[in-house]
PDB file of N, CA and C in Angstrom:
ATOM      1  N   MET A   1      13.358 -26.808  15.576  1.00  0.00           N
ATOM      2  CA  MET A   1      12.343 -26.613  16.434  1.00  0.00           C
ATOM      3  C   MET A   1      10.848 -26.033  15.570  1.00  0.00           C
ATOM      4  N   LYS A   2       9.337 -26.172  16.163  1.00  0.00           N
ATOM      5  CA  LYS A   2       8.743 -26.433  15.626  1.00  0.00           C
ATOM      6  C   LYS A   2       7.537 -24.950  16.516  1.00  0.00           C
ATOM      7  N   LEU A   3       7.450 -24.524  15.502  1.00  0.00           N
ATOM      8  CA  LEU A   3       6.103 -22.422  15.691  1.00  0.00           C
ATOM      9  C   LEU A   3       4.775 -23.650  15.744  1.00  0.00           C
ATOM     10  N   THR A   4       4.961 -21.987  16.588  1.00  0.00           N
ATOM     11  CA  THR A   4       2.950 -22.605  17.190  1.00  0.00           C
ATOM     12  C   THR A   4       2.203 -20.918  16.430  1.00  0.00           C
ATOM     13  N   LYS A   5       1.384 -22.211  16.091  1.00  0.00           N
ATOM     14  CA  LYS A   5       0.816 -20.577  15.246  1.00  0.00           C
ATOM     15  C   LYS A   5      -0.400 -20.257  15.580  1.00  0.00           C
ATOM     16  N   GLU A   6       0.653 -19.888  16.962  1.00  0.00           N
ATOM     17  CA  GLU A   6       0.734 -17.826  18.085  1.00  0.00           C
ATOM     18  C   GLU A   6       1.876 -17.328  17.075  1.00  0.00           C
ATOM     19  N   GLU A   7       2.513 -18.561  16.861  1.00  0.00           N
ATOM     20  CA  GLU A   7       3.583 -17.702  17.001  1.00  0.00           C
ATOM     21  C   GLU A   7       4.177 -17.238  14.835  1.00  0.00           C
ATOM     22  N   LYS A   8       3.786 -18.560  14.806  1.00  0.00           N
ATOM     23  CA  LYS A   8       3.358 -18.137  13.450  1.00  0.00           C
ATOM     24  C   LYS A   8       2.260 -16.840  12.591  1.00  0.00           C
ATOM     25  N   SER A   9       1.646 -16.948  13.590  1.00  0.00           N
ATOM     26  CA  SER A   9       0.419 -15.624  13.478  1.00  0.00           C
ATOM     27  C   SER A   9       1.479 -14.052  13.135  1.00  0.00           C
ATOM     28  N   VAL A  10       1.977 -14.499  14.767  1.00  0.00           N
ATOM     29  CA  VAL A  10       2.274 -13.363  14.465  1.00  0.00           C
ATOM     30  C   VAL A  10       3.454 -12.873  13.845  1.00  0.00           C
ATOM     31  N   MET A  11       4.507 -13.739  13.649  1.00  0.00           N
ATOM     32  CA  MET A  11       5.819 -13.860  11.640  1.00  0.00           C
ATOM     33  C   MET A  11       4.761 -12.833  10.190  1.00  0.00           C
ATOM     34  N   ILE A  12       3.628 -13.496  10.921  1.00  0.00           N
ATOM     35  CA  ILE A  12       3.111 -12.865   9.224  1.00  0.00           C
ATOM     36  C   ILE A  12       2.780 -11.488   9.368  1.00  0.00           C
ATOM     37  N   ASN A  13       1.766 -11.282  10.448  1.00  0.00           N
ATOM     38  CA  ASN A  13       1.341 -10.041  10.758  1.00  0.00           C
ATOM     39  C   ASN A  13       2.410  -9.102  10.981  1.00  0.00           C
ATOM     40  N   GLY A  14       3.303  -9.381  11.274  1.00  0.00           N
ATOM     41  CA  GLY A  14       4.818  -8.210  11.558  1.00  0.00           C
ATOM     42  C   GLY A  14       5.059  -7.602  10.300  1.00  0.00           C
ATOM     43  N   LEU A  15       5.561  -9.140   9.207  1.00  0.00           N
ATOM     44  CA  LEU A  15       6.080  -8.759   7.747  1.00  0.00           C
ATOM     45  C   LEU A  15       5.067  -8.218   6.896  1.00  0.00           C
ATOM     46  N   SER A  16       3.811  -8.128   7.399  1.00  0.00           N
ATOM     47  CA  SER A  16       2.515  -7.801   7.023  1.00  0.00           C
ATOM     48  C   SER A  16       2.376  -6.184   6.909  1.00  0.00           C
ATOM     49  N   THR A  17       2.486  -6.166   8.331  1.00  0.00           N
ATOM     50  CA  THR A  17       2.543  -4.544   9.317  1.00  0.00           C
ATOM     51  C   THR A  17       3.447  -3.961   8.754  1.00  0.00           C
ATOM     52  N   GLY A  18       4.496  -4.848   8.190  1.00  0.00           N
ATOM     53  CA  GLY A  18       5.753  -3.358   7.792  1.00  0.00           C
ATOM     54  C   GLY A  18       5.459  -3.264   6.195  1.00  0.00           C
ATOM     55  N   ILE A  19       5.423  -3.970   5.741  1.00  0.00           N
ATOM     56  CA  ILE A  19       5.732  -4.071   4.080  1.00  0.00           C
ATOM     57  C   ILE A  19       4.416  -2.933   3.782  1.00  0.00           C
ATOM     58  N   ALA A  20       2.979  -3.234   4.243  1.00  0.00           N
ATOM     59  CA  ALA A  20       2.487  -2.049   3.496  1.00  0.00           C
ATOM     60  C   ALA A  20       3.038  -0.874   4.730  1.00  0.00           C
ATOM     61  N   THR A  21       2.988  -0.411   5.915  1.00  0.00           N
ATOM     62  CA  THR A  21       3.831   0.934   6.486  1.00  0.00           C
ATOM     63  C   THR A  21       4.689   1.492   4.937  1.00  0.00           C
ATOM     64  N   MET A  22       5.572   0.354   4.605  1.00  0.00           N
ATOM     65  CA  MET A  22       7.183   0.926   3.581  1.00  0.00           C
ATOM     66  C   MET A  22       5.948   0.972   2.742  1.00  0.00           C
ATOM     67  N   ALA A  23       4.659   0.335   2.054  1.00  0.00           N
ATOM     68  CA  ALA A  23       3.835   0.610   0.361  1.00  0.00           C
ATOM     69  C   ALA A  23       3.830   1.983   0.854  1.00  0.00           C
ATOM     70  N   PHE A  24       2.624   2.322   1.818  1.00  0.00           N
ATOM     71  CA  PHE A  24       2.148   3.253   2.131  1.00  0.00           C
ATOM     72  C   PHE A  24       3.028   4.624   2.305  1.00  0.00           C
ATOM     73  N   ILE A  25       4.044   4.433   2.369  1.00  0.00           N
ATOM     74  CA  ILE A  25       5.530   5.591   2.897  1.00  0.00           C
ATOM     75  C   ILE A  25       5.777   5.789   0.973  1.00  0.00           C
ATOM     76  N   GLY A  26       5.008   4.837  -0.072  1.00  0.00           N
ATOM     77  CA  GLY A  26       6.562   4.799  -1.211  1.00  0.00           C
ATOM     78  C   GLY A  26       5.208   5.063  -2.038  1.00  0.00           C
ATOM     79  N   LEU A  27       4.423   5.695  -2.114  1.00  0.00           N
ATOM     80  CA  LEU A  27       2.593   5.850  -2.768  1.00  0.00           C
ATOM     81  C   LEU A  27       3.179   6.932  -3.060  1.00  0.00           C
ATOM     82  N   PRO A  28       2.914   8.105  -2.194  1.00  0.00           N
ATOM     83  CA  PRO A  28       3.250   9.427  -2.578  1.00  0.00           C
ATOM     84  C   PRO A  28       4.315  10.321  -2.849  1.00  0.00           C
ATOM     85  N   ILE A  29       6.085   8.785  -3.180  1.00  0.00           N
ATOM     86  CA  ILE A  29       7.346   9.490  -4.242  1.00  0.00           C
ATOM     87  C   ILE A  29       6.256   9.178  -5.370  1.00  0.00           C
ATOM     88  N   GLY A  30       5.746   7.499  -5.704  1.00  0.00           N
ATOM     89  CA  GLY A  30       4.920   8.220  -6.938  1.00  0.00           C
ATOM     90  C   GLY A  30       4.499   8.664  -7.514  1.00  0.00           C
ATOM     91  N   VAL A  31       3.557   8.866  -6.833  1.00  0.00           N
ATOM     92  CA  VAL A  31       2.778   9.648  -6.640  1.00  0.00           C
ATOM     93  C   VAL A  31       3.469  11.177  -7.464  1.00  0.00           C
ATOM     94  N   TYR A  32       4.408  11.605  -5.760  1.00  0.00           N
ATOM     95  CA  TYR A  32       4.735  12.511  -6.939  1.00  0.00           C
ATOM     96  C   TYR A  32       5.896  13.707  -8.334  1.00  0.00           C
ATOM     97  N   MET A  33       6.752  11.928  -8.285  1.00  0.00           N
ATOM     98  CA  MET A  33       7.230  12.018  -9.219  1.00  0.00           C
ATOM     99  C   MET A  33       6.805  12.096 -10.694  1.00  0.00           C
ATOM    100  N   TRP A  34       4.921  11.298 -10.560  1.00  0.00           N
ATOM    101  CA  TRP A  34       4.527  11.303 -11.775  1.00  0.00           C
ATOM    102  C   TRP A  34       3.934  12.675 -11.823  1.00  0.00           C
ATOM    103  N   ILE A  35       3.745  12.948 -10.812  1.00  0.00           N
ATOM    104  CA  ILE A  35       3.137  14.993 -10.348  1.00  0.00           C
ATOM    105  C   ILE A  35       3.794  16.742 -11.142  1.00  0.00           C
ATOM    106  N   ILE A  36       5.687  15.439 -10.929  1.00  0.00           N
ATOM    107  CA  ILE A  36       6.858  15.878 -10.949  1.00  0.00           C
ATOM    108  C   ILE A  36       6.951  16.527 -13.352  1.00  0.00           C
ATOM    109  N   SER A  37       5.986  14.586 -13.594  1.00  0.00           N
ATOM    110  CA  SER A  37       6.480  14.850 -14.837  1.00  0.00           C
ATOM    111  C   SER A  37       5.425  15.361 -15.677  1.00  0.00           C
ATOM    112  N   MET A  38       3.614  15.074 -15.115  1.00  0.00           N
ATOM    113  CA  MET A  38       2.725  16.144 -16.001  1.00  0.00           C
ATOM    114  C   MET A  38       3.623  17.077 -15.350  1.00  0.00           C
ATOM    115  N   LEU A  39       3.976  17.811 -15.198  1.00  0.00           N
ATOM    116  CA  LEU A  39       3.947  19.550 -14.244  1.00  0.00           C
ATOM    117  C   LEU A  39       5.196  19.529 -15.797  1.00  0.00           C
ATOM    118  N   GLU A  40       6.207  19.202 -15.980  1.00  0.00           N
ATOM    119  CA  GLU A  40       7.473  19.055 -16.986  1.00  0.00           C
ATOM    120  C   GLU A  40       6.925  19.220 -18.421  1.00  0.00           C
ATOM    121  N   ARG A  41       5.588  18.380 -18.472  1.00  0.00           N
ATOM    122  CA  ARG A  41       5.080  17.883 -19.484  1.00  0.00           C
ATOM    123  C   ARG A  41       6.404  16.994 -20.218  1.00  0.00           C
ATOM    124  N   SER A  42       7.187  16.601 -20.027  1.00  0.00           N
ATOM    125  CA  SER A  42       7.435  15.550 -19.836  1.00  0.00           C
ATOM    126  C   SER A  42       7.435  14.210 -19.589  1.00  0.00           C
ATOM    127  N   VAL A  43       7.997  12.949 -20.487  1.00  0.00           N
ATOM    128  CA  VAL A  43       7.709  11.456 -20.058  1.00  0.00           C
ATOM    129  C   VAL A  43       9.079  11.114 -19.467  1.00  0.00           C
ATOM    130  N   SER A  44      10.004  11.329 -19.046  1.00  0.00           N
ATOM    131  CA  SER A  44      11.324  10.910 -17.978  1.00  0.00           C
ATOM    132  C   SER A  44      11.110  10.252 -16.784  1.00  0.00           C
ATOM    133  N   TYR A  45       9.458   9.927 -15.940  1.00  0.00           N
ATOM    134  CA  TYR A  45       9.304   9.214 -15.542  1.00  0.00           C
ATOM    135  C   TYR A  45       8.112   9.190 -14.995  1.00  0.00           C
ATOM    136  N   ILE A  46       7.642   9.187 -16.418  1.00  0.00           N
ATOM    137  CA  ILE A  46       6.459   8.407 -15.922  1.00  0.00           C
ATOM    138  C   ILE A  46       6.680   6.643 -15.600  1.00  0.00           C
ATOM    139  N   THR A  47       6.645   6.425 -16.359  1.00  0.00           N
ATOM    140  CA  THR A  47       7.019   4.487 -16.910  1.00  0.00           C
ATOM    141  C   THR A  47       7.353   4.277 -15.012  1.00  0.00           C
ATOM    142  N   GLN A  48       9.044   5.017 -13.952  1.00  0.00           N
ATOM    143  CA  GLN A  48       8.975   5.483 -13.516  1.00  0.00           C
ATOM    144  C   GLN A  48       7.886   4.782 -11.756  1.00  0.00           C
ATOM    145  N   SER A  49       7.806   6.132 -12.039  1.00  0.00           N
ATOM    146  CA  SER A  49       6.226   6.836 -10.876  1.00  0.00           C
ATOM    147  C   SER A  49       4.754   5.611 -11.210  1.00  0.00           C
ATOM    148  N   ILE A  50       4.922   5.841 -12.972  1.00  0.00           N
ATOM    149  CA  ILE A  50       3.676   4.081 -12.604  1.00  0.00           C
ATOM    150  C   ILE A  50       3.913   3.028 -11.728  1.00  0.00           C
ATOM    151  N   ALA A  51       5.821   2.169 -12.383  1.00  0.00           N
ATOM    152  CA  ALA A  51       5.651   1.727 -11.149  1.00  0.00           C
ATOM    153  C   ALA A  51       6.017   1.532 -10.103  1.00  0.00           C
ATOM    154  N   ILE A  52       6.483   2.034  -9.509  1.00  0.00           N
ATOM    155  CA  ILE A  52       5.772   2.333  -7.682  1.00  0.00           C
ATOM    156  C   ILE A  52       5.293   1.732  -7.455  1.00  0.00           C
ATOM    157  N   MET A  53       4.052   3.223  -7.876  1.00  0.00           N
ATOM    158  CA  MET A  53       2.784   2.974  -7.706  1.00  0.00           C
ATOM    159  C   MET A  53       1.975   1.975  -7.774  1.00  0.00           C
ATOM    160  N   VAL A  54       2.492   0.886  -9.360  1.00  0.00           N
ATOM    161  CA  VAL A  54       1.777  -0.542  -9.480  1.00  0.00           C
ATOM    162  C   VAL A  54       2.286  -1.830  -8.006  1.00  0.00           C
ATOM    163  N   ILE A  55       3.554  -1.230  -8.021  1.00  0.00           N
ATOM    164  CA  ILE A  55       4.606  -2.298  -6.869  1.00  0.00           C
ATOM    165  C   ILE A  55       3.697  -1.959  -5.504  1.00  0.00           C
ATOM    166  N   CYS A  56       3.526  -0.745  -5.206  1.00  0.00           N
ATOM    167  CA  CYS A  56       2.882  -0.488  -3.835  1.00  0.00           C
ATOM    168  C   CYS A  56       1.518  -0.741  -3.897  1.00  0.00           C
ATOM    169  N   GLY A  57       1.395  -0.612  -4.548  1.00  0.00           N
ATOM    170  CA  GLY A  57      -0.046  -1.283  -4.719  1.00  0.00           C
ATOM    171  C   GLY A  57      -1.258  -2.214  -4.671  1.00  0.00           C
ATOM    172  N   ILE A  58       0.277  -3.700  -5.083  1.00  0.00           N
ATOM    173  CA  ILE A  58       0.370  -4.201  -4.991  1.00  0.00           C
ATOM    174  C   ILE A  58       0.826  -5.258  -3.373  1.00  0.00           C
ATOM    175  N   ALA A  59       1.696  -4.069  -2.801  1.00  0.00           N
ATOM    176  CA  ALA A  59       2.883  -4.593  -1.476  1.00  0.00           C
ATOM    177  C   ALA A  59       1.504  -4.858  -0.420  1.00  0.00           C
ATOM    178  N   ILE A  60       0.517  -3.494  -1.023  1.00  0.00           N
ATOM    179  CA  ILE A  60      -0.041  -3.292   0.448  1.00  0.00           C
ATOM    180  C   ILE A  60      -1.388  -4.549   0.345  1.00  0.00           C
ATOM    181  N   VAL A  61      -1.999  -4.323  -1.085  1.00  0.00           N
ATOM    182  CA  VAL A  61      -3.500  -5.964  -1.174  1.00  0.00           C
ATOM    183  C   VAL A  61      -2.553  -7.021  -0.896  1.00  0.00           C
ATOM    184  N   GLY A  62      -1.214  -7.314  -0.841  1.00  0.00           N
ATOM    185  CA  GLY A  62      -1.077  -8.985  -0.122  1.00  0.00           C
ATOM    186  C   GLY A  62      -0.667  -8.235   0.955  1.00  0.00           C
ATOM    187  N   SER A  63      -0.514  -8.104   1.374  1.00  0.00           N
ATOM    188  CA  SER A  63      -0.030  -7.324   3.121  1.00  0.00           C
ATOM    189  C   SER A  63      -2.276  -7.650   4.187  1.00  0.00           C
ATOM    190  N   LEU A  64      -2.117  -6.681   3.248  1.00  0.00           N
ATOM    191  CA  LEU A  64      -3.722  -7.560   3.666  1.00  0.00           C
ATOM    192  C   LEU A  64      -4.574  -8.712   3.803  1.00  0.00           C
ATOM    193  N   ALA A  65      -3.926  -9.288   1.994  1.00  0.00           N
ATOM    194  CA  ALA A  65      -4.076 -11.109   2.060  1.00  0.00           C
ATOM    195  C   ALA A  65      -3.138 -11.491   3.605  1.00  0.00           C
ATOM    196  N   ALA A  66      -2.027 -11.208   3.522  1.00  0.00           N
ATOM    197  CA  ALA A  66      -2.119 -12.476   4.308  1.00  0.00           C
ATOM    198  C   ALA A  66      -2.197 -11.929   6.469  1.00  0.00           C
ATOM    199  N   SER A  67      -2.487 -10.975   6.057  1.00  0.00           N
ATOM    200  CA  SER A  67      -3.355 -10.213   7.140  1.00  0.00           C
ATOM    201  C   SER A  67      -4.971 -11.471   7.977  1.00  0.00           C
ATOM    202  N   ILE A  68      -5.166 -11.420   6.984  1.00  0.00           N
ATOM    203  CA  ILE A  68      -5.961 -11.955   6.380  1.00  0.00           C
ATOM    204  C   ILE A  68      -5.707 -13.682   6.955  1.00  0.00           C
ATOM    205  N   VAL A  69      -4.822 -14.058   6.150  1.00  0.00           N
ATOM    206  CA  VAL A  69      -4.097 -15.523   6.327  1.00  0.00           C
ATOM    207  C   VAL A  69      -3.989 -15.774   8.411  1.00  0.00           C
ATOM    208  N   ALA A  70      -3.311 -15.065   8.475  1.00  0.00           N
ATOM    209  CA  ALA A  70      -2.887 -14.959   9.630  1.00  0.00           C
ATOM    210  C   ALA A  70      -3.930 -14.577  10.746  1.00  0.00           C
ATOM    211  N   LYS A  71      -4.807 -14.829  10.523  1.00  0.00           N
ATOM    212  CA  LYS A  71      -6.316 -14.020  10.894  1.00  0.00           C
ATOM    213  C   LYS A  71      -7.656 -15.091  11.618  1.00  0.00           C
ATOM    214  N   VAL A  72      -6.793 -16.095  10.229  1.00  0.00           N
ATOM    215  CA  VAL A  72      -7.842 -17.092   9.914  1.00  0.00           C
ATOM    216  C   VAL A  72      -6.558 -18.395  10.407  1.00  0.00           C
ATOM    217  N   LYS A  73      -6.066 -18.404  10.295  1.00  0.00           N
ATOM    218  CA  LYS A  73      -4.756 -19.238  11.591  1.00  0.00           C
ATOM    219  C   LYS A  73      -4.919 -19.393  12.712  1.00  0.00           C
ATOM    220  N   ASP A  74      -5.054 -18.040  13.444  1.00  0.00           N
ATOM    221  CA  ASP A  74      -5.077 -18.008  14.718  1.00  0.00           C
ATOM    222  C   ASP A  74      -6.696 -16.835  14.835  1.00  0.00           C
ATOM    223  N   LYS A  75      -7.647 -17.176  15.180  1.00  0.00           N
ATOM    224  CA  LYS A  75      -8.653 -16.571  15.909  1.00  0.00           C
ATOM    225  C   LYS A  75      -9.290 -15.931  16.546  1.00  0.00           C
ATOM    226  N   THR A  76      -7.904 -15.801  18.253  1.00  0.00           N
ATOM    227  CA  THR A  76      -8.054 -15.230  18.565  1.00  0.00           C
ATOM    228  C   THR A  76      -7.277 -14.003  18.330  1.00  0.00           C
ATOM    229  N   ASN A  77      -6.098 -13.533  17.729  1.00  0.00           N
ATOM    230  CA  ASN A  77      -4.672 -12.674  17.210  1.00  0.00           C
ATOM    231  C   ASN A  77      -5.515 -11.594  17.263  1.00  0.00           C
ATOM    232  N   LYS A  78      -5.947 -10.546  18.699  1.00  0.00           N
ATOM    233  CA  LYS A  78      -6.158  -8.906  18.330  1.00  0.00           C
ATOM    234  C   LYS A  78      -5.236  -8.137  17.199  1.00  0.00           C
ATOM    235  N   TRP A  79      -4.298  -8.478  16.423  1.00  0.00           N
ATOM    236  CA  TRP A  79      -3.505  -8.153  16.414  1.00  0.00           C
ATOM    237  C   TRP A  79      -3.807  -8.183  14.510  1.00  0.00           C
ATOM    238  N   ALA A  80      -3.408  -8.912  14.065  1.00  0.00           N
ATOM    239  CA  ALA A  80      -4.646  -9.484  13.203  1.00  0.00           C
ATOM    240  C   ALA A  80      -5.857  -9.073  13.239  1.00  0.00           C
ATOM    241  N   THR A  81      -6.440  -8.342  13.064  1.00  0.00           N
ATOM    242  CA  THR A  81      -8.050  -7.469  13.199  1.00  0.00           C
ATOM    243  C   THR A  81      -7.584  -6.418  13.538  1.00  0.00           C
ATOM    244  N   ALA A  82      -6.633  -5.636  13.545  1.00  0.00           N
ATOM    245  CA  ALA A  82      -6.082  -4.590  13.860  1.00  0.00           C
ATOM    246  C   ALA A  82      -5.724  -3.969  12.852  1.00  0.00           C
ATOM    247  N   ASN A  83      -4.863  -4.476  11.999  1.00  0.00           N
ATOM    248  CA  ASN A  83      -3.936  -5.016  11.271  1.00  0.00           C
ATOM    249  C   ASN A  83      -4.741  -4.800   9.208  1.00  0.00           C
ATOM    250  N   ILE A  84      -6.068  -5.760  10.528  1.00  0.00           N
ATOM    251  CA  ILE A  84      -6.546  -5.544   8.858  1.00  0.00           C
ATOM    252  C   ILE A  84      -7.545  -4.490   8.570  1.00  0.00           C
ATOM    253  N   VAL A  85      -8.263  -3.833  10.635  1.00  0.00           N
ATOM    254  CA  VAL A  85      -8.314  -2.187   9.922  1.00  0.00           C
ATOM    255  C   VAL A  85      -7.634  -1.152   9.758  1.00  0.00           C
ATOM    256  N   TYR A  86      -6.491  -1.331  10.570  1.00  0.00           N
ATOM    257  CA  TYR A  86      -5.507  -0.263   9.943  1.00  0.00           C
ATOM    258  C   TYR A  86      -5.256  -0.129   7.887  1.00  0.00           C
ATOM    259  N   ILE A  87      -4.723  -1.619   8.033  1.00  0.00           N
ATOM    260  CA  ILE A  87      -3.946  -2.481   6.536  1.00  0.00           C
ATOM    261  C   ILE A  87      -6.367  -1.281   5.467  1.00  0.00           C
ATOM    262  N   SER A  88      -6.801  -1.212   5.290  1.00  0.00           N
ATOM    263  CA  SER A  88      -7.903  -1.075   5.103  1.00  0.00           C
ATOM    264  C   SER A  88      -9.013   0.355   4.384  1.00  0.00           C
ATOM    265  N   ILE A  89      -7.695   0.478   6.153  1.00  0.00           N
ATOM    266  CA  ILE A  89      -8.850   1.995   6.452  1.00  0.00           C
ATOM    267  C   ILE A  89      -7.630   2.862   5.488  1.00  0.00           C
ATOM    268  N   MET A  90      -6.385   2.985   5.679  1.00  0.00           N
ATOM    269  CA  MET A  90      -5.119   3.129   4.526  1.00  0.00           C
ATOM    270  C   MET A  90      -4.819   2.809   3.396  1.00  0.00           C
ATOM    271  N   LEU A  91      -5.190   2.145   2.799  1.00  0.00           N
ATOM    272  CA  LEU A  91      -6.038   2.022   1.663  1.00  0.00           C
ATOM    273  C   LEU A  91      -6.295   2.412   0.329  1.00  0.00           C
ATOM    274  N   VAL A  92      -8.432   2.309   1.239  1.00  0.00           N
ATOM    275  CA  VAL A  92      -9.374   3.710   1.283  1.00  0.00           C
ATOM    276  C   VAL A  92      -8.172   4.943   1.146  1.00  0.00           C
ATOM    277  N   ILE A  93      -7.870   6.132   2.268  1.00  0.00           N
ATOM    278  CA  ILE A  93      -7.634   6.411   2.365  1.00  0.00           C
ATOM    279  C   ILE A  93      -6.702   7.470   1.454  1.00  0.00           C
ATOM    280  N   SER A  94      -4.850   6.184   1.040  1.00  0.00           N
ATOM    281  CA  SER A  94      -4.051   6.552  -0.490  1.00  0.00           C
ATOM    282  C   SER A  94      -5.277   6.570  -1.630  1.00  0.00           C
ATOM    283  N   GLY A  95      -5.618   5.655  -1.308  1.00  0.00           N
ATOM    284  CA  GLY A  95      -5.986   5.325  -3.432  1.00  0.00           C
ATOM    285  C   GLY A  95      -7.158   6.390  -3.112  1.00  0.00           C
ATOM    286  N   LEU A  96      -8.084   6.566  -2.536  1.00  0.00           N
ATOM    287  CA  LEU A  96      -8.774   7.918  -3.287  1.00  0.00           C
ATOM    288  C   LEU A  96      -7.709   9.299  -2.552  1.00  0.00           C
ATOM    289  N   LEU A  97      -6.760   9.477  -1.690  1.00  0.00           N
ATOM    290  CA  LEU A  97      -5.679  10.104  -2.145  1.00  0.00           C
ATOM    291  C   LEU A  97      -5.135  10.590  -4.075  1.00  0.00           C
ATOM    292  N   THR A  98      -4.937   9.022  -3.968  1.00  0.00           N
ATOM    293  CA  THR A  98      -4.186   9.407  -5.410  1.00  0.00           C
ATOM    294  C   THR A  98      -4.801   9.295  -6.554  1.00  0.00           C
ATOM    295  N   TYR A  99      -5.956   8.458  -6.206  1.00  0.00           N
ATOM    296  CA  TYR A  99      -6.829   8.591  -7.559  1.00  0.00           C
ATOM    297  C   TYR A  99      -7.310  10.499  -7.415  1.00  0.00           C
ATOM    298  N   PHE A 100      -7.089  11.305  -6.364  1.00  0.00           N
ATOM    299  CA  PHE A 100      -7.737  12.606  -6.730  1.00  0.00           C
ATOM    300  C   PHE A 100      -5.983  13.709  -7.286  1.00  0.00           C
ATOM    301  N   PHE A 101      -4.820  13.272  -6.473  1.00  0.00           N
ATOM    302  CA  PHE A 101      -4.033  13.941  -7.501  1.00  0.00           C
ATOM    303  C   PHE A 101      -3.993  14.175  -8.748  1.00  0.00           C
ATOM    304  N   ILE A 102      -3.716  12.372  -9.878  1.00  0.00           N
ATOM    305  CA  ILE A 102      -4.678  12.605 -10.845  1.00  0.00           C
ATOM    306  C   ILE A 102      -5.612  12.886 -11.607  1.00  0.00           C
ATOM    307  N   TRP A 103      -6.842  12.491 -11.343  1.00  0.00           N
ATOM    308  CA  TRP A 103      -8.118  13.664 -11.905  1.00  0.00           C
ATOM    309  C   TRP A 103      -7.334  15.295 -11.503  1.00  0.00           C
ATOM    310  N   LEU A 104      -7.047  15.731 -10.649  1.00  0.00           N
ATOM    311  CA  LEU A 104      -6.343  16.561  -9.941  1.00  0.00           C
ATOM    312  C   LEU A 104      -5.768  17.474 -11.536  1.00  0.00           C
ATOM    313  N   MET A 105      -4.457  16.916 -12.062  1.00  0.00           N
ATOM    314  CA  MET A 105      -3.492  16.694 -12.321  1.00  0.00           C
ATOM    315  C   MET A 105      -3.833  17.004 -14.067  1.00  0.00           C
ATOM    316  N   THR A 106      -5.017  15.479 -14.190  1.00  0.00           N
ATOM    317  CA  THR A 106      -5.291  15.291 -15.043  1.00  0.00           C
ATOM    318  C   THR A 106      -6.335  16.495 -16.058  1.00  0.00           C
ATOM    319  N   THR A 107      -7.115  17.113 -15.033  1.00  0.00           N
ATOM    320  CA  THR A 107      -8.111  17.699 -15.878  1.00  0.00           C
ATOM    321  C   THR A 107      -7.488  19.630 -15.630  1.00  0.00           C
ATOM    322  N   TYR A 108      -6.573  19.856 -14.660  1.00  0.00           N
ATOM    323  CA  TYR A 108      -6.503  21.215 -14.444  1.00  0.00           C
ATOM    324  C   TYR A 108      -4.862  21.088 -15.255  1.00  0.00           C
ATOM    325  N   ALA A 109      -4.244  20.487 -15.553  1.00  0.00           N
ATOM    326  CA  ALA A 109      -2.258  20.520 -16.139  1.00  0.00           C
ATOM    327  C   ALA A 109      -2.597  21.720 -17.175  1.00  0.00           C
ATOM    328  N   PHE A 110      -3.064  20.424 -18.238  1.00  0.00           N
ATOM    329  CA  PHE A 110      -2.936  21.453 -19.494  1.00  0.00           C
ATOM    330  C   PHE A 110      -3.657  22.177 -20.405  1.00  0.00           C
ATOM    331  N   ASN A 111      -4.685  23.170 -18.793  1.00  0.00           N
ATOM    332  CA  ASN A 111      -5.648  23.827 -19.399  1.00  0.00           C
ATOM    333  C   ASN A 111      -4.689  25.720 -19.883  1.00  0.00           C
TER     334      ASN A 111
END
């Protein structure tokens, strides 16, 4: 069975949306683990929380790249355009929130 370019584009977009959504849900978990470790002044969850944040960041950027590939494969696909906009906006929001919480903890947690 041979898939058309529209079907391939839909499959790529589905995977991209799912992976990005799971990463956007998992990113706060890593941030909260990091905050808890900072408040307890322990290093018990530092490595795990940083690993979760890095994995989620890589998954988000990879999903954005997959959406761009899907848009290049099928230029008429509206889902790819919406997916690119969704992931870009959520990437900026989650990046700023993560940076804010890390800045907040490093600035005020140890004073």
